[in-house]
Amino acid sequence: MARALVEQRLAACAQISAIDSYYAWEDAIRHDAEFRVLFKVAASAYDEVELAIRALHSYELPAIHAIPVKRAYAPYAAWVIANSTPPADP
């Protein structure tokens, strides 16, 4: 999923971390090893990114969060926008 979104230019970067999760699901407390993927994307690409994650994710209810960035180093922010905005269809 991480590679697919970067290849499709929906995300400029994807960082993957192993995590240990405890959560409530189907009237039970579950415990699983999972992976957190942090995608760095332009705010304007959120809807397309969410659709792609939902299509590719194995979970029925994936945790998808958008964390707004109030400020960022301008050259880095420009790189994220340039690399997470898919080209317009001709």
N, C-alpha and C. Protein backbone atom coordinates (compact mmCIF):
# COMPACT_ATOMS: atom_id res chain seq x y z
N MET A 1 0.83 -1.18 0.00
CA MET A 1 0.00 0.00 0.00
C MET A 1 0.88 1.25 0.00
N ALA A 2 1.92 1.26 0.84
CA ALA A 2 2.80 2.42 0.91
C ALA A 2 3.44 2.69 -0.45
N ARG A 3 3.99 1.66 -1.04
CA ARG A 3 4.64 1.83 -2.34
C ARG A 3 3.64 2.25 -3.40
N ALA A 4 2.45 1.66 -3.39
CA ALA A 4 1.43 1.96 -4.40
C ALA A 4 1.04 3.44 -4.36
N LEU A 5 0.84 3.98 -3.16
CA LEU A 5 0.43 5.39 -3.08
C LEU A 5 1.54 6.33 -3.51
N VAL A 6 2.80 5.98 -3.20
CA VAL A 6 3.92 6.82 -3.65
C VAL A 6 4.06 6.70 -5.16
N GLU A 7 3.95 5.48 -5.71
CA GLU A 7 4.05 5.31 -7.16
C GLU A 7 2.95 6.05 -7.90
N GLN A 8 1.76 6.10 -7.32
CA GLN A 8 0.63 6.79 -7.95
C GLN A 8 0.66 8.30 -7.72
N ARG A 9 1.70 8.77 -7.04
CA ARG A 9 1.86 10.18 -6.72
C ARG A 9 0.73 10.72 -5.86
N LEU A 10 0.13 9.83 -5.06
CA LEU A 10 -0.86 10.27 -4.08
C LEU A 10 -0.18 10.66 -2.78
N ALA A 11 1.00 10.11 -2.54
CA ALA A 11 1.79 10.43 -1.35
C ALA A 11 3.22 10.71 -1.76
N ALA A 12 3.81 11.72 -1.13
CA ALA A 12 5.21 12.04 -1.40
C ALA A 12 6.12 11.06 -0.67
N CYS A 13 5.63 10.53 0.45
CA CYS A 13 6.44 9.67 1.30
C CYS A 13 5.51 8.80 2.14
N ALA A 14 5.98 7.62 2.48
CA ALA A 14 5.26 6.74 3.41
C ALA A 14 6.27 6.20 4.40
N GLN A 15 6.00 6.38 5.68
CA GLN A 15 6.87 5.87 6.73
C GLN A 15 6.12 4.78 7.47
N ILE A 16 6.77 3.63 7.67
CA ILE A 16 6.12 2.47 8.27
C ILE A 16 6.77 2.15 9.61
N SER A 17 5.93 2.00 10.65
CA SER A 17 6.40 1.65 11.99
C SER A 17 5.62 0.45 12.50
N ALA A 18 6.31 -0.50 13.12
CA ALA A 18 5.64 -1.62 13.77
C ALA A 18 5.03 -1.12 15.07
N ILE A 19 3.78 -1.52 15.34
CA ILE A 19 3.11 -1.10 16.57
C ILE A 19 2.41 -2.30 17.21
N ASP A 20 2.11 -2.17 18.47
CA ASP A 20 1.40 -3.18 19.25
C ASP A 20 0.04 -2.57 19.59
N SER A 21 -1.05 -3.16 19.12
CA SER A 21 -2.38 -2.57 19.29
C SER A 21 -3.29 -3.39 20.17
N TYR A 22 -3.98 -2.70 21.07
CA TYR A 22 -5.09 -3.25 21.84
C TYR A 22 -6.31 -2.46 21.41
N TYR A 23 -7.39 -3.14 21.07
CA TYR A 23 -8.56 -2.42 20.60
C TYR A 23 -9.82 -3.26 20.80
N ALA A 24 -10.95 -2.57 20.85
CA ALA A 24 -12.24 -3.23 20.98
C ALA A 24 -12.78 -3.50 19.57
N TRP A 25 -13.18 -4.76 19.32
CA TRP A 25 -13.73 -5.12 18.01
C TRP A 25 -14.65 -6.32 18.18
N GLU A 26 -15.85 -6.20 17.67
CA GLU A 26 -16.84 -7.27 17.71
C GLU A 26 -17.02 -7.82 19.12
N ASP A 27 -17.27 -6.89 20.07
CA ASP A 27 -17.56 -7.23 21.47
C ASP A 27 -16.42 -7.95 22.18
N ALA A 28 -15.20 -7.75 21.74
CA ALA A 28 -14.05 -8.36 22.39
C ALA A 28 -12.88 -7.38 22.39
N ILE A 29 -11.97 -7.56 23.32
CA ILE A 29 -10.74 -6.78 23.33
C ILE A 29 -9.71 -7.60 22.57
N ARG A 30 -9.13 -7.00 21.56
CA ARG A 30 -8.15 -7.67 20.70
C ARG A 30 -6.76 -7.11 20.95
N HIS A 31 -5.78 -7.91 20.61
CA HIS A 31 -4.38 -7.51 20.71
C HIS A 31 -3.67 -8.06 19.49
N ASP A 32 -3.07 -7.16 18.71
CA ASP A 32 -2.39 -7.57 17.49
C ASP A 32 -1.14 -6.73 17.25
N ALA A 33 -0.20 -7.34 16.56
CA ALA A 33 0.93 -6.59 16.02
C ALA A 33 0.43 -6.00 14.70
N GLU A 34 0.64 -4.71 14.53
CA GLU A 34 0.19 -4.03 13.31
C GLU A 34 1.31 -3.12 12.81
N PHE A 35 1.04 -2.48 11.70
CA PHE A 35 1.96 -1.49 11.16
C PHE A 35 1.22 -0.18 10.99
N ARG A 36 1.85 0.89 11.44
CA ARG A 36 1.31 2.24 11.23
C ARG A 36 2.02 2.81 10.02
N VAL A 37 1.26 3.33 9.09
CA VAL A 37 1.84 3.96 7.91
C VAL A 37 1.46 5.44 7.94
N LEU A 38 2.47 6.28 7.96
CA LEU A 38 2.26 7.72 7.93
C LEU A 38 2.53 8.19 6.50
N PHE A 39 1.48 8.65 5.84
CA PHE A 39 1.61 9.16 4.48
C PHE A 39 1.73 10.67 4.53
N LYS A 40 2.65 11.21 3.78
CA LYS A 40 2.81 12.66 3.68
C LYS A 40 2.19 13.08 2.35
N VAL A 41 1.09 13.83 2.46
CA VAL A 41 0.31 14.17 1.26
C VAL A 41 -0.14 15.62 1.30
N ALA A 42 -0.42 16.14 0.13
CA ALA A 42 -1.02 17.46 0.02
C ALA A 42 -2.46 17.37 0.54
N ALA A 43 -2.89 18.39 1.25
CA ALA A 43 -4.26 18.40 1.78
C ALA A 43 -5.28 18.19 0.66
N SER A 44 -5.00 18.71 -0.51
CA SER A 44 -5.93 18.59 -1.63
C SER A 44 -6.07 17.16 -2.14
N ALA A 45 -5.14 16.28 -1.76
CA ALA A 45 -5.16 14.89 -2.22
C ALA A 45 -5.86 13.95 -1.23
N TYR A 46 -6.36 14.49 -0.10
CA TYR A 46 -6.91 13.63 0.94
C TYR A 46 -7.98 12.67 0.43
N ASP A 47 -8.96 13.16 -0.28
CA ASP A 47 -10.06 12.29 -0.72
C ASP A 47 -9.57 11.12 -1.56
N GLU A 48 -8.65 11.39 -2.49
CA GLU A 48 -8.10 10.32 -3.33
C GLU A 48 -7.27 9.34 -2.50
N VAL A 49 -6.53 9.85 -1.53
CA VAL A 49 -5.71 8.99 -0.67
C VAL A 49 -6.60 8.09 0.17
N GLU A 50 -7.65 8.66 0.75
CA GLU A 50 -8.56 7.85 1.55
C GLU A 50 -9.18 6.73 0.71
N LEU A 51 -9.62 7.05 -0.49
CA LEU A 51 -10.19 6.01 -1.37
C LEU A 51 -9.18 4.92 -1.67
N ALA A 52 -7.94 5.31 -1.94
CA ALA A 52 -6.91 4.32 -2.26
C ALA A 52 -6.61 3.43 -1.06
N ILE A 53 -6.52 4.02 0.13
CA ILE A 53 -6.26 3.22 1.34
C ILE A 53 -7.41 2.25 1.56
N ARG A 54 -8.63 2.73 1.46
CA ARG A 54 -9.79 1.86 1.68
C ARG A 54 -9.82 0.72 0.67
N ALA A 55 -9.42 0.98 -0.56
CA ALA A 55 -9.42 -0.06 -1.59
C ALA A 55 -8.32 -1.10 -1.36
N LEU A 56 -7.18 -0.67 -0.83
CA LEU A 56 -6.03 -1.55 -0.68
C LEU A 56 -5.91 -2.21 0.69
N HIS A 57 -6.54 -1.65 1.70
CA HIS A 57 -6.37 -2.14 3.06
C HIS A 57 -7.15 -3.42 3.29
N SER A 58 -6.57 -4.30 4.10
CA SER A 58 -7.22 -5.58 4.39
C SER A 58 -8.29 -5.46 5.48
N TYR A 59 -8.29 -4.38 6.25
CA TYR A 59 -9.25 -4.23 7.33
C TYR A 59 -10.59 -3.71 6.82
N GLU A 60 -11.64 -4.15 7.47
CA GLU A 60 -12.98 -3.64 7.19
C GLU A 60 -13.08 -2.16 7.58
N LEU A 61 -12.40 -1.79 8.65
CA LEU A 61 -12.47 -0.42 9.18
C LEU A 61 -11.05 0.09 9.46
N PRO A 62 -10.31 0.47 8.43
CA PRO A 62 -8.95 0.96 8.67
C PRO A 62 -8.97 2.31 9.39
N ALA A 63 -7.99 2.53 10.21
CA ALA A 63 -7.85 3.82 10.91
C ALA A 63 -7.17 4.80 9.96
N ILE A 64 -7.95 5.74 9.48
CA ILE A 64 -7.42 6.74 8.55
C ILE A 64 -7.62 8.10 9.22
N HIS A 65 -6.51 8.81 9.45
CA HIS A 65 -6.56 10.10 10.13
C HIS A 65 -5.87 11.15 9.27
N ALA A 66 -6.43 12.33 9.21
CA ALA A 66 -5.75 13.46 8.58
C ALA A 66 -5.32 14.40 9.70
N ILE A 67 -4.05 14.68 9.77
CA ILE A 67 -3.52 15.57 10.79
C ILE A 67 -3.07 16.85 10.08
N PRO A 68 -3.81 17.93 10.28
CA PRO A 68 -3.43 19.17 9.58
C PRO A 68 -2.10 19.72 10.11
N VAL A 69 -1.33 20.24 9.22
CA VAL A 69 -0.04 20.84 9.57
C VAL A 69 -0.20 22.35 9.49
N LYS A 70 -0.04 23.00 10.64
CA LYS A 70 -0.20 24.46 10.65
C LYS A 70 0.99 25.15 9.99
N ARG A 71 2.17 24.61 10.24
CA ARG A 71 3.37 25.22 9.66
C ARG A 71 4.34 24.12 9.32
N ALA A 72 5.11 24.33 8.29
CA ALA A 72 6.17 23.40 7.89
C ALA A 72 7.25 24.20 7.17
N TYR A 73 8.43 23.64 7.16
CA TYR A 73 9.54 24.24 6.42
C TYR A 73 9.09 24.37 4.97
N ALA A 74 9.06 25.58 4.45
CA ALA A 74 8.46 25.86 3.14
C ALA A 74 9.00 25.00 2.00
N PRO A 75 10.32 24.81 1.87
CA PRO A 75 10.79 23.96 0.77
C PRO A 75 10.31 22.51 0.91
N TYR A 76 10.23 22.02 2.16
CA TYR A 76 9.74 20.66 2.37
C TYR A 76 8.26 20.57 2.04
N ALA A 77 7.48 21.52 2.48
CA ALA A 77 6.04 21.54 2.18
C ALA A 77 5.81 21.57 0.68
N ALA A 78 6.61 22.35 -0.03
CA ALA A 78 6.49 22.42 -1.49
C ALA A 78 6.81 21.07 -2.13
N TRP A 79 7.81 20.37 -1.58
CA TRP A 79 8.16 19.04 -2.09
C TRP A 79 7.01 18.07 -1.88
N VAL A 80 6.39 18.10 -0.69
CA VAL A 80 5.26 17.21 -0.42
C VAL A 80 4.13 17.49 -1.42
N ILE A 81 3.79 18.74 -1.61
CA ILE A 81 2.71 19.09 -2.54
C ILE A 81 3.07 18.66 -3.96
N ALA A 82 4.28 18.92 -4.39
CA ALA A 82 4.70 18.58 -5.75
C ALA A 82 4.69 17.07 -5.99
N ASN A 83 4.94 16.29 -4.94
CA ASN A 83 5.06 14.85 -5.10
C ASN A 83 3.84 14.07 -4.61
N SER A 84 2.78 14.76 -4.27
CA SER A 84 1.56 14.07 -3.86
C SER A 84 0.33 14.65 -4.53
N THR A 85 0.56 15.22 -5.68
CA THR A 85 -0.53 15.73 -6.48
C THR A 85 -0.47 15.02 -7.82
N PRO A 86 -1.37 14.05 -8.03
CA PRO A 86 -1.31 13.31 -9.29
C PRO A 86 -1.52 14.24 -10.49
N PRO A 87 -0.86 13.93 -11.59
CA PRO A 87 -1.06 14.75 -12.79
C PRO A 87 -2.52 14.69 -13.23
N ALA A 88 -3.01 15.79 -13.72
CA ALA A 88 -4.39 15.84 -14.22
C ALA A 88 -4.53 14.98 -15.47
N ASP A 89 -5.67 14.35 -15.61
CA ASP A 89 -5.92 13.56 -16.82
C ASP A 89 -6.00 14.47 -18.03
N PRO A 90 -5.44 14.03 -19.17
CA PRO A 90 -5.47 14.89 -20.37
C PRO A 90 -6.88 15.03 -20.92
